[in-house]
């Protein structure tokens, strides 16, 4: 067990060490450089995720989808499609029955 005299000596040496601490001289631009590095790393981490999804690419994608839809609607409204379906139905006898069935 330590005696109080040893404890007092430890306290005194601790205070002596505190007195020897000096102020550190830092370059005046150290803070600016550090802040710039911190913020540049954060910006790079955020921008790498969706960098390919730029507004120009979004607009080009929208135009392509719009053109494909317009072309599809135009092709759907052609009368050749209806004629081809009618010919197919009559060829394979898929049309509406004209003769009465037992279940009617």
C-alpha atoms as a PDB file:
ATOM      1  CA  UNK A   1       0.000   0.000   0.000  1.00  0.00           C
ATOM      2  CA  UNK A   2       1.278   3.456  -0.892  1.00  0.00           C
ATOM      3  CA  UNK A   3       1.861   6.013   1.731  1.00  0.00           C
ATOM      4  CA  UNK A   4       0.520   9.560   1.362  1.00  0.00           C
ATOM      5  CA  UNK A   5       4.010  10.960   0.742  1.00  0.00           C
ATOM      6  CA  UNK A   6       4.367   8.888  -2.476  1.00  0.00           C
ATOM      7  CA  UNK A   7       0.970  10.034  -3.657  1.00  0.00           C
ATOM      8  CA  UNK A   8       1.884  13.665  -3.096  1.00  0.00           C
ATOM      9  CA  UNK A   9       5.118  13.178  -5.064  1.00  0.00           C
ATOM     10  CA  UNK A  10       3.153  11.685  -7.974  1.00  0.00           C
ATOM     11  CA  UNK A  11       0.781  14.641  -7.946  1.00  0.00           C
ATOM     12  CA  UNK A  12       3.697  17.082  -7.926  1.00  0.00           C
ATOM     13  CA  UNK A  13       5.423  15.350 -10.864  1.00  0.00           C
ATOM     14  CA  UNK A  14       2.156  15.387 -12.813  1.00  0.00           C
ATOM     15  CA  UNK A  15       1.812  19.134 -12.317  1.00  0.00           C
ATOM     16  CA  UNK A  16       5.441  19.622 -13.307  1.00  0.00           C
ATOM     17  CA  UNK A  17       4.771  17.808 -16.595  1.00  0.00           C
ATOM     18  CA  UNK A  18       1.763  20.040 -17.250  1.00  0.00           C
ATOM     19  CA  UNK A  19       3.980  23.105 -16.841  1.00  0.00           C
ATOM     20  CA  UNK A  20       6.399  21.829 -19.501  1.00  0.00           C
ATOM     21  CA  UNK A  21       3.691  21.606 -22.183  1.00  0.00           C
ATOM     22  CA  UNK A  22       4.254  24.315 -24.790  1.00  0.00           C
ATOM     23  CA  UNK A  23       2.021  25.684 -27.496  1.00  0.00           C
ATOM     24  CA  UNK A  24       2.564  24.012 -30.832  1.00  0.00           C
ATOM     25  CA  UNK A  25       3.332  26.303 -33.757  1.00  0.00           C
ATOM     26  CA  UNK A  26       1.179  25.465 -36.755  1.00  0.00           C
ATOM     27  CA  UNK A  27       1.287  26.781 -40.272  1.00  0.00           C
ATOM     28  CA  UNK A  28      -1.401  29.456 -40.819  1.00  0.00           C
ATOM     29  CA  UNK A  29      -2.788  27.501 -43.788  1.00  0.00           C
ATOM     30  CA  UNK A  30      -3.018  24.161 -41.952  1.00  0.00           C
ATOM     31  CA  UNK A  31      -6.695  24.602 -41.039  1.00  0.00           C
ATOM     32  CA  UNK A  32      -7.670  25.617 -44.582  1.00  0.00           C
ATOM     33  CA  UNK A  33      -5.831  22.673 -46.135  1.00  0.00           C
ATOM     34  CA  UNK A  34      -7.364  20.227 -43.680  1.00  0.00           C
ATOM     35  CA  UNK A  35     -10.900  21.523 -44.212  1.00  0.00           C
ATOM     36  CA  UNK A  36     -10.452  21.445 -47.973  1.00  0.00           C
ATOM     37  CA  UNK A  37      -9.310  17.807 -47.878  1.00  0.00           C
ATOM     38  CA  UNK A  38     -12.191  16.777 -45.632  1.00  0.00           C
ATOM     39  CA  UNK A  39     -14.848  18.378 -47.830  1.00  0.00           C
ATOM     40  CA  UNK A  40     -13.307  17.231 -51.112  1.00  0.00           C
ATOM     41  CA  UNK A  41     -13.344  13.599 -49.942  1.00  0.00           C
ATOM     42  CA  UNK A  42     -17.014  13.856 -48.959  1.00  0.00           C
ATOM     43  CA  UNK A  43     -17.966  15.365 -52.310  1.00  0.00           C
ATOM     44  CA  UNK A  44     -16.121  12.656 -54.224  1.00  0.00           C
ATOM     45  CA  UNK A  45     -17.810   9.888 -52.241  1.00  0.00           C
ATOM     46  CA  UNK A  46     -21.280  11.296 -52.942  1.00  0.00           C
ATOM     47  CA  UNK A  47     -20.768  12.070 -56.624  1.00  0.00           C
ATOM     48  CA  UNK A  48     -19.398   8.655 -57.643  1.00  0.00           C
ATOM     49  CA  UNK A  49     -22.688   6.810 -57.034  1.00  0.00           C
ATOM     50  CA  UNK A  50     -24.923   8.340 -59.695  1.00  0.00           C
ATOM     51  CA  UNK A  51     -22.463  10.277 -61.848  1.00  0.00           C
ATOM     52  CA  UNK A  52     -23.720   8.556 -64.990  1.00  0.00           C
ATOM     53  CA  UNK A  53     -27.299   9.767 -64.347  1.00  0.00           C
ATOM     54  CA  UNK A  54     -26.779  13.307 -65.586  1.00  0.00           C
ATOM     55  CA  UNK A  55     -29.637  15.539 -66.767  1.00  0.00           C
ATOM     56  CA  UNK A  56     -28.462  15.228 -70.389  1.00  0.00           C
ATOM     57  CA  UNK A  57     -28.719  11.440 -70.204  1.00  0.00           C
ATOM     58  CA  UNK A  58     -32.124  11.678 -68.544  1.00  0.00           C
ATOM     59  CA  UNK A  59     -33.406  13.883 -71.345  1.00  0.00           C
ATOM     60  CA  UNK A  60     -32.022  11.573 -74.044  1.00  0.00           C
ATOM     61  CA  UNK A  61     -33.609   8.542 -72.353  1.00  0.00           C
ATOM     62  CA  UNK A  62     -36.950  10.332 -72.106  1.00  0.00           C
ATOM     63  CA  UNK A  63     -36.858  11.245 -75.806  1.00  0.00           C
ATOM     64  CA  UNK A  64     -36.022   7.644 -76.811  1.00  0.00           C
ATOM     65  CA  UNK A  65     -38.844   6.200 -74.718  1.00  0.00           C
ATOM     66  CA  UNK A  66     -41.258   8.782 -76.124  1.00  0.00           C
ATOM     67  CA  UNK A  67     -40.278   7.963 -79.730  1.00  0.00           C
ATOM     68  CA  UNK A  68     -40.632   4.219 -79.134  1.00  0.00           C
ATOM     69  CA  UNK A  69     -44.100   4.737 -77.667  1.00  0.00           C
ATOM     70  CA  UNK A  70     -45.212   6.950 -80.557  1.00  0.00           C
ATOM     71  CA  UNK A  71     -43.952   4.382 -83.070  1.00  0.00           C
ATOM     72  CA  UNK A  72     -45.776   1.605 -81.186  1.00  0.00           C
ATOM     73  CA  UNK A  73     -49.058   3.502 -81.147  1.00  0.00           C
ATOM     74  CA  UNK A  74     -48.713   4.257 -84.863  1.00  0.00           C
ATOM     75  CA  UNK A  75     -48.126   0.577 -85.670  1.00  0.00           C
ATOM     76  CA  UNK A  76     -51.049  -0.466 -83.467  1.00  0.00           C
ATOM     77  CA  UNK A  77     -53.446   1.834 -85.311  1.00  0.00           C
ATOM     78  CA  UNK A  78     -52.671   0.374 -88.733  1.00  0.00           C
ATOM     79  CA  UNK A  79     -55.533  -1.557 -90.321  1.00  0.00           C
ATOM     80  CA  UNK A  80     -53.222  -4.286 -91.592  1.00  0.00           C
ATOM     81  CA  UNK A  81     -53.012  -5.668 -88.073  1.00  0.00           C
ATOM     82  CA  UNK A  82     -56.787  -6.136 -87.856  1.00  0.00           C
ATOM     83  CA  UNK A  83     -56.914  -7.718 -91.316  1.00  0.00           C
ATOM     84  CA  UNK A  84     -54.113 -10.142 -90.495  1.00  0.00           C
ATOM     85  CA  UNK A  85     -55.832 -11.191 -87.254  1.00  0.00           C
ATOM     86  CA  UNK A  86     -59.123 -11.735 -89.096  1.00  0.00           C
ATOM     87  CA  UNK A  87     -57.406 -13.841 -91.762  1.00  0.00           C
ATOM     88  CA  UNK A  88     -55.656 -15.900 -89.087  1.00  0.00           C
ATOM     89  CA  UNK A  89     -58.927 -16.472 -87.197  1.00  0.00           C
ATOM     90  CA  UNK A  90     -60.817 -17.637 -90.287  1.00  0.00           C
ATOM     91  CA  UNK A  91     -57.941 -19.865 -91.405  1.00  0.00           C
ATOM     92  CA  UNK A  92     -57.881 -21.763 -88.101  1.00  0.00           C
ATOM     93  CA  UNK A  93     -61.637 -21.466 -87.524  1.00  0.00           C
ATOM     94  CA  UNK A  94     -61.253 -19.377 -84.387  1.00  0.00           C
ATOM     95  CA  UNK A  95     -64.062 -16.964 -85.222  1.00  0.00           C
ATOM     96  CA  UNK A  96     -67.488 -16.818 -83.637  1.00  0.00           C
ATOM     97  CA  UNK A  97     -69.611 -19.878 -84.345  1.00  0.00           C
ATOM     98  CA  UNK A  98     -72.604 -19.344 -86.606  1.00  0.00           C
ATOM     99  CA  UNK A  99     -74.241 -22.681 -85.937  1.00  0.00           C
ATOM    100  CA  UNK A 100     -76.123 -23.125 -82.702  1.00  0.00           C
ATOM    101  CA  UNK A 101     -74.553 -25.317 -80.050  1.00  0.00           C
ATOM    102  CA  UNK A 102     -76.171 -27.655 -77.571  1.00  0.00           C
ATOM    103  CA  UNK A 103     -75.454 -25.366 -74.645  1.00  0.00           C
ATOM    104  CA  UNK A 104     -77.285 -22.266 -75.960  1.00  0.00           C
END
